Amino acid sequence: MGCFDRILLPTDFSDLAEHAAPCARKLAEALHSSIHVLHVYTPAPPAPAEATVEPGVTPLVFSETDVRTALDEFVARQFANFSPPVVQELVFGSPVSAITQYARSHGIGLIVIGTHARGVVNRIFFGSVSKAVMEQAGCPVLMVPLAAQVPSGE
């Protein structure tokens, strides 16, 4: 079994994940690796009974069903005609710990993750999931910034 037999692509369905997916796919094809696509779902806490919502404002709350549908659509869009079958998982929790725990427990050899690559000041104020994953992962992490040219999906 090779070092990169399993590649993990975490997704939050953002442009960053959409941009990193073709890179993960091309690597997996070249290395004959399987792909694991992971979404970490952190349900919103219930709103307090006294909370009010401005008229005309719809709060963004996604159900688990909506998230599973989004994951199915992401995989279908990014990994059509990919063989072997893509493993897709929805887990609950904090993104960084869930991603790194998943990688350890599933023998992932490489994590491919999108990143803003915003610089030090922005990371100090806003944090960076990709940077924290890189620091805590037990395997190599390939961070794909939006500015990077990546191969097309197919």
C-alpha atoms as a PDB file:
ATOM      1  CA  MET A   1       0.000   0.000   0.000  1.00  0.00           C
ATOM      2  CA  GLY A   2       1.416   3.361  -1.025  1.00  0.00           C
ATOM      3  CA  CYS A   3       1.775   6.498   1.002  1.00  0.00           C
ATOM      4  CA  PHE A   4      -0.959   8.351  -0.913  1.00  0.00           C
ATOM      5  CA  ASP A   5      -3.445   5.502  -1.444  1.00  0.00           C
ATOM      6  CA  ARG A   6      -6.206   7.568   0.164  1.00  0.00           C
ATOM      7  CA  ILE A   7      -6.679  11.280  -0.476  1.00  0.00           C
ATOM      8  CA  LEU A   8      -9.021  13.364   1.677  1.00  0.00           C
ATOM      9  CA  LEU A   9     -10.800  16.404   0.265  1.00  0.00           C
ATOM     10  CA  PRO A  10     -12.645  18.338   2.976  1.00  0.00           C
ATOM     11  CA  THR A  11     -15.422  20.527   1.600  1.00  0.00           C
ATOM     12  CA  ASP A  12     -17.553  23.316   2.946  1.00  0.00           C
ATOM     13  CA  PHE A  13     -19.089  23.723  -0.542  1.00  0.00           C
ATOM     14  CA  SER A  14     -17.284  27.048  -0.999  1.00  0.00           C
ATOM     15  CA  ASP A  15     -15.365  28.288  -4.025  1.00  0.00           C
ATOM     16  CA  LEU A  16     -12.208  27.167  -2.215  1.00  0.00           C
ATOM     17  CA  ALA A  17     -13.372  23.551  -2.110  1.00  0.00           C
ATOM     18  CA  GLU A  18     -14.613  23.718  -5.703  1.00  0.00           C
ATOM     19  CA  HIS A  19     -11.163  24.978  -6.726  1.00  0.00           C
ATOM     20  CA  ALA A  20      -9.260  22.292  -4.770  1.00  0.00           C
ATOM     21  CA  ALA A  21     -11.392  19.378  -6.025  1.00  0.00           C
ATOM     22  CA  PRO A  22      -9.892  19.087  -9.545  1.00  0.00           C
ATOM     23  CA  CYS A  23      -6.418  19.058  -8.000  1.00  0.00           C
ATOM     24  CA  ALA A  24      -7.421  16.208  -5.669  1.00  0.00           C
ATOM     25  CA  ARG A  25      -8.995  14.345  -8.573  1.00  0.00           C
ATOM     26  CA  LYS A  26      -5.936  14.657 -10.842  1.00  0.00           C
ATOM     27  CA  LEU A  27      -3.627  13.531  -8.033  1.00  0.00           C
ATOM     28  CA  ALA A  28      -5.855  10.559  -7.268  1.00  0.00           C
ATOM     29  CA  GLU A  29      -5.964   9.565 -10.935  1.00  0.00           C
ATOM     30  CA  ALA A  30      -2.183   9.858 -11.306  1.00  0.00           C
ATOM     31  CA  LEU A  31      -1.473   7.961  -8.081  1.00  0.00           C
ATOM     32  CA  HIS A  32      -4.331   5.432  -8.434  1.00  0.00           C
ATOM     33  CA  SER A  33      -5.688   6.610  -5.092  1.00  0.00           C
ATOM     34  CA  SER A  34      -9.142   6.584  -3.633  1.00  0.00           C
ATOM     35  CA  ILE A  35     -10.833   9.881  -2.790  1.00  0.00           C
ATOM     36  CA  HIS A  36     -12.644  10.615   0.458  1.00  0.00           C
ATOM     37  CA  VAL A  37     -14.825  13.737   0.392  1.00  0.00           C
ATOM     38  CA  LEU A  38     -15.673  14.980   3.863  1.00  0.00           C
ATOM     39  CA  HIS A  39     -18.046  17.662   5.061  1.00  0.00           C
ATOM     40  CA  VAL A  40     -18.077  18.656   8.711  1.00  0.00           C
ATOM     41  CA  TYR A  41     -21.540  19.717   9.792  1.00  0.00           C
ATOM     42  CA  THR A  42     -21.871  21.978  12.783  1.00  0.00           C
ATOM     43  CA  PRO A  43     -25.584  22.479  13.411  1.00  0.00           C
ATOM     44  CA  ALA A  44     -26.599  25.947  14.524  1.00  0.00           C
ATOM     45  CA  PRO A  45     -27.631  26.094  18.167  1.00  0.00           C
ATOM     46  CA  PRO A  46     -31.346  26.599  18.693  1.00  0.00           C
ATOM     47  CA  ALA A  47     -32.363  30.249  18.850  1.00  0.00           C
ATOM     48  CA  PRO A  48     -33.503  31.509  22.240  1.00  0.00           C
ATOM     49  CA  ALA A  49     -37.279  31.766  22.605  1.00  0.00           C
ATOM     50  CA  GLU A  50     -37.058  35.535  22.945  1.00  0.00           C
ATOM     51  CA  ALA A  51     -34.999  35.933  19.743  1.00  0.00           C
ATOM     52  CA  THR A  52     -36.618  37.953  16.989  1.00  0.00           C
ATOM     53  CA  VAL A  53     -35.830  38.073  13.327  1.00  0.00           C
ATOM     54  CA  GLU A  54     -36.087  41.250  11.300  1.00  0.00           C
ATOM     55  CA  PRO A  55     -39.038  41.238   8.904  1.00  0.00           C
ATOM     56  CA  GLY A  56     -37.972  40.033   5.464  1.00  0.00           C
ATOM     57  CA  VAL A  57     -34.772  38.392   6.785  1.00  0.00           C
ATOM     58  CA  THR A  58     -34.486  34.627   6.517  1.00  0.00           C
ATOM     59  CA  PRO A  59     -31.868  33.132   8.810  1.00  0.00           C
ATOM     60  CA  LEU A  60     -29.463  30.746   7.108  1.00  0.00           C
ATOM     61  CA  VAL A  61     -30.047  27.388   8.737  1.00  0.00           C
ATOM     62  CA  PHE A  62     -29.290  24.238   6.821  1.00  0.00           C
ATOM     63  CA  SER A  63     -30.798  20.945   7.829  1.00  0.00           C
ATOM     64  CA  GLU A  64     -28.810  17.740   7.808  1.00  0.00           C
ATOM     65  CA  THR A  65     -30.864  16.672   4.780  1.00  0.00           C
ATOM     66  CA  ASP A  66     -29.875  19.859   2.913  1.00  0.00           C
ATOM     67  CA  VAL A  67     -26.219  19.266   3.741  1.00  0.00           C
ATOM     68  CA  ARG A  68     -26.352  15.621   2.592  1.00  0.00           C
ATOM     69  CA  THR A  69     -27.935  16.762  -0.685  1.00  0.00           C
ATOM     70  CA  ALA A  70     -25.213  19.398  -1.150  1.00  0.00           C
ATOM     71  CA  LEU A  71     -22.546  16.733  -0.512  1.00  0.00           C
ATOM     72  CA  ASP A  72     -24.123  14.378  -3.066  1.00  0.00           C
ATOM     73  CA  GLU A  73     -24.240  17.188  -5.634  1.00  0.00           C
ATOM     74  CA  PHE A  74     -20.631  18.250  -4.940  1.00  0.00           C
ATOM     75  CA  VAL A  75     -19.365  14.684  -5.424  1.00  0.00           C
ATOM     76  CA  ALA A  76     -21.465  14.151  -8.557  1.00  0.00           C
ATOM     77  CA  ARG A  77     -20.205  17.421 -10.061  1.00  0.00           C
ATOM     78  CA  GLN A  78     -16.534  17.015  -9.187  1.00  0.00           C
ATOM     79  CA  PHE A  79     -16.061  13.252  -9.480  1.00  0.00           C
ATOM     80  CA  ALA A  80     -18.294  12.105 -12.331  1.00  0.00           C
ATOM     81  CA  ASN A  81     -16.845   8.986 -13.995  1.00  0.00           C
ATOM     82  CA  PHE A  82     -14.163   8.663 -11.306  1.00  0.00           C
ATOM     83  CA  SER A  83     -13.128   5.139 -10.442  1.00  0.00           C
ATOM     84  CA  PRO A  84     -12.892   3.700  -7.803  1.00  0.00           C
ATOM     85  CA  PRO A  85     -16.076   5.002  -6.174  1.00  0.00           C
ATOM     86  CA  VAL A  86     -15.661   8.136  -4.089  1.00  0.00           C
ATOM     87  CA  VAL A  87     -16.157   7.736  -0.351  1.00  0.00           C
ATOM     88  CA  GLN A  88     -18.292  10.585   0.926  1.00  0.00           C
ATOM     89  CA  GLU A  89     -18.818  11.287   4.595  1.00  0.00           C
ATOM     90  CA  LEU A  90     -20.753  13.745   6.672  1.00  0.00           C
ATOM     91  CA  VAL A  91     -19.496  14.088  10.230  1.00  0.00           C
ATOM     92  CA  PHE A  92     -20.513  16.366  13.065  1.00  0.00           C
ATOM     93  CA  GLY A  93     -18.226  18.599  15.067  1.00  0.00           C
ATOM     94  CA  SER A  94     -15.539  21.214  14.836  1.00  0.00           C
ATOM     95  CA  PRO A  95     -13.970  21.314  11.338  1.00  0.00           C
ATOM     96  CA  VAL A  96     -10.296  21.098  12.277  1.00  0.00           C
ATOM     97  CA  SER A  97     -10.590  18.288  14.812  1.00  0.00           C
ATOM     98  CA  ALA A  98     -13.097  16.356  12.680  1.00  0.00           C
ATOM     99  CA  ILE A  99     -10.901  16.568   9.569  1.00  0.00           C
ATOM    100  CA  THR A 100      -7.723  15.514  11.339  1.00  0.00           C
ATOM    101  CA  GLN A 101      -9.492  12.743  13.280  1.00  0.00           C
ATOM    102  CA  TYR A 102     -11.090  11.409  10.097  1.00  0.00           C
ATOM    103  CA  ALA A 103      -7.701  11.402   8.358  1.00  0.00           C
ATOM    104  CA  ARG A 104      -6.102   9.440  11.197  1.00  0.00           C
ATOM    105  CA  SER A 105      -8.899   6.916  11.587  1.00  0.00           C
ATOM    106  CA  HIS A 106      -9.196   6.206   7.847  1.00  0.00           C
ATOM    107  CA  GLY A 107      -5.500   5.936   6.988  1.00  0.00           C
ATOM    108  CA  ILE A 108      -5.501   9.040   4.798  1.00  0.00           C
ATOM    109  CA  GLY A 109      -2.130   9.664   3.160  1.00  0.00           C
ATOM    110  CA  LEU A 110      -2.753  13.190   1.846  1.00  0.00           C
ATOM    111  CA  ILE A 111      -5.248  15.961   2.582  1.00  0.00           C
ATOM    112  CA  VAL A 112      -6.025  18.383  -0.267  1.00  0.00           C
ATOM    113  CA  ILE A 113      -7.708  21.519   1.060  1.00  0.00           C
ATOM    114  CA  GLY A 114      -8.583  24.911  -0.344  1.00  0.00           C
ATOM    115  CA  THR A 115      -7.213  28.010   1.318  1.00  0.00           C
ATOM    116  CA  HIS A 116      -7.691  31.750   1.105  1.00  0.00           C
ATOM    117  CA  ALA A 117      -3.943  32.343   1.542  1.00  0.00           C
ATOM    118  CA  ARG A 118      -4.894  35.742   2.961  1.00  0.00           C
ATOM    119  CA  GLY A 119      -1.737  36.466   4.887  1.00  0.00           C
ATOM    120  CA  VAL A 120      -0.683  36.690   8.496  1.00  0.00           C
ATOM    121  CA  VAL A 121      -2.846  39.616   9.643  1.00  0.00           C
ATOM    122  CA  ASN A 122      -6.086  38.079   8.363  1.00  0.00           C
ATOM    123  CA  ARG A 123      -5.202  34.708   9.887  1.00  0.00           C
ATOM    124  CA  ILE A 124      -4.626  36.327  13.277  1.00  0.00           C
ATOM    125  CA  PHE A 125      -8.060  37.924  13.254  1.00  0.00           C
ATOM    126  CA  PHE A 126     -10.103  35.313  11.379  1.00  0.00           C
ATOM    127  CA  GLY A 127      -8.185  32.067  11.793  1.00  0.00           C
ATOM    128  CA  SER A 128      -7.669  29.517   9.075  1.00  0.00           C
ATOM    129  CA  VAL A 129      -9.111  26.022   9.039  1.00  0.00           C
ATOM    130  CA  SER A 130      -6.630  24.944   6.371  1.00  0.00           C
ATOM    131  CA  LYS A 131      -3.652  26.255   8.360  1.00  0.00           C
ATOM    132  CA  ALA A 132      -4.850  24.531  11.543  1.00  0.00           C
ATOM    133  CA  VAL A 133      -5.414  21.275   9.629  1.00  0.00           C
ATOM    134  CA  MET A 134      -1.886  21.508   8.238  1.00  0.00           C
ATOM    135  CA  GLU A 135      -0.478  22.012  11.729  1.00  0.00           C
ATOM    136  CA  GLN A 136      -2.465  19.172  13.339  1.00  0.00           C
ATOM    137  CA  ALA A 137      -2.681  16.546  10.591  1.00  0.00           C
ATOM    138  CA  GLY A 138      -0.689  13.361  10.869  1.00  0.00           C
ATOM    139  CA  CYS A 139      -0.110  13.311   7.094  1.00  0.00           C
ATOM    140  CA  PRO A 140       0.969  15.752   4.377  1.00  0.00           C
ATOM    141  CA  VAL A 141      -1.462  18.547   3.513  1.00  0.00           C
ATOM    142  CA  LEU A 142      -1.643  20.200   0.105  1.00  0.00           C
ATOM    143  CA  MET A 143      -3.154  23.681   0.436  1.00  0.00           C
ATOM    144  CA  VAL A 144      -4.655  24.973  -2.822  1.00  0.00           C
ATOM    145  CA  PRO A 145      -5.155  28.767  -2.956  1.00  0.00           C
ATOM    146  CA  LEU A 146      -7.688  30.330  -5.318  1.00  0.00           C
ATOM    147  CA  ALA A 147      -4.832  31.975  -7.234  1.00  0.00           C
ATOM    148  CA  ALA A 148      -3.335  28.572  -8.116  1.00  0.00           C
ATOM    149  CA  GLN A 149      -3.953  27.241 -11.591  1.00  0.00           C
ATOM    150  CA  VAL A 150      -5.369  23.761 -11.241  1.00  0.00           C
ATOM    151  CA  PRO A 151      -6.301  21.211 -13.894  1.00  0.00           C
ATOM    152  CA  SER A 152      -9.875  21.127 -15.119  1.00  0.00           C
ATOM    153  CA  GLY A 153     -12.249  18.623 -13.495  1.00  0.00           C
ATOM    154  CA  GLU A 154     -12.104  16.028 -16.257  1.00  0.00           C
END
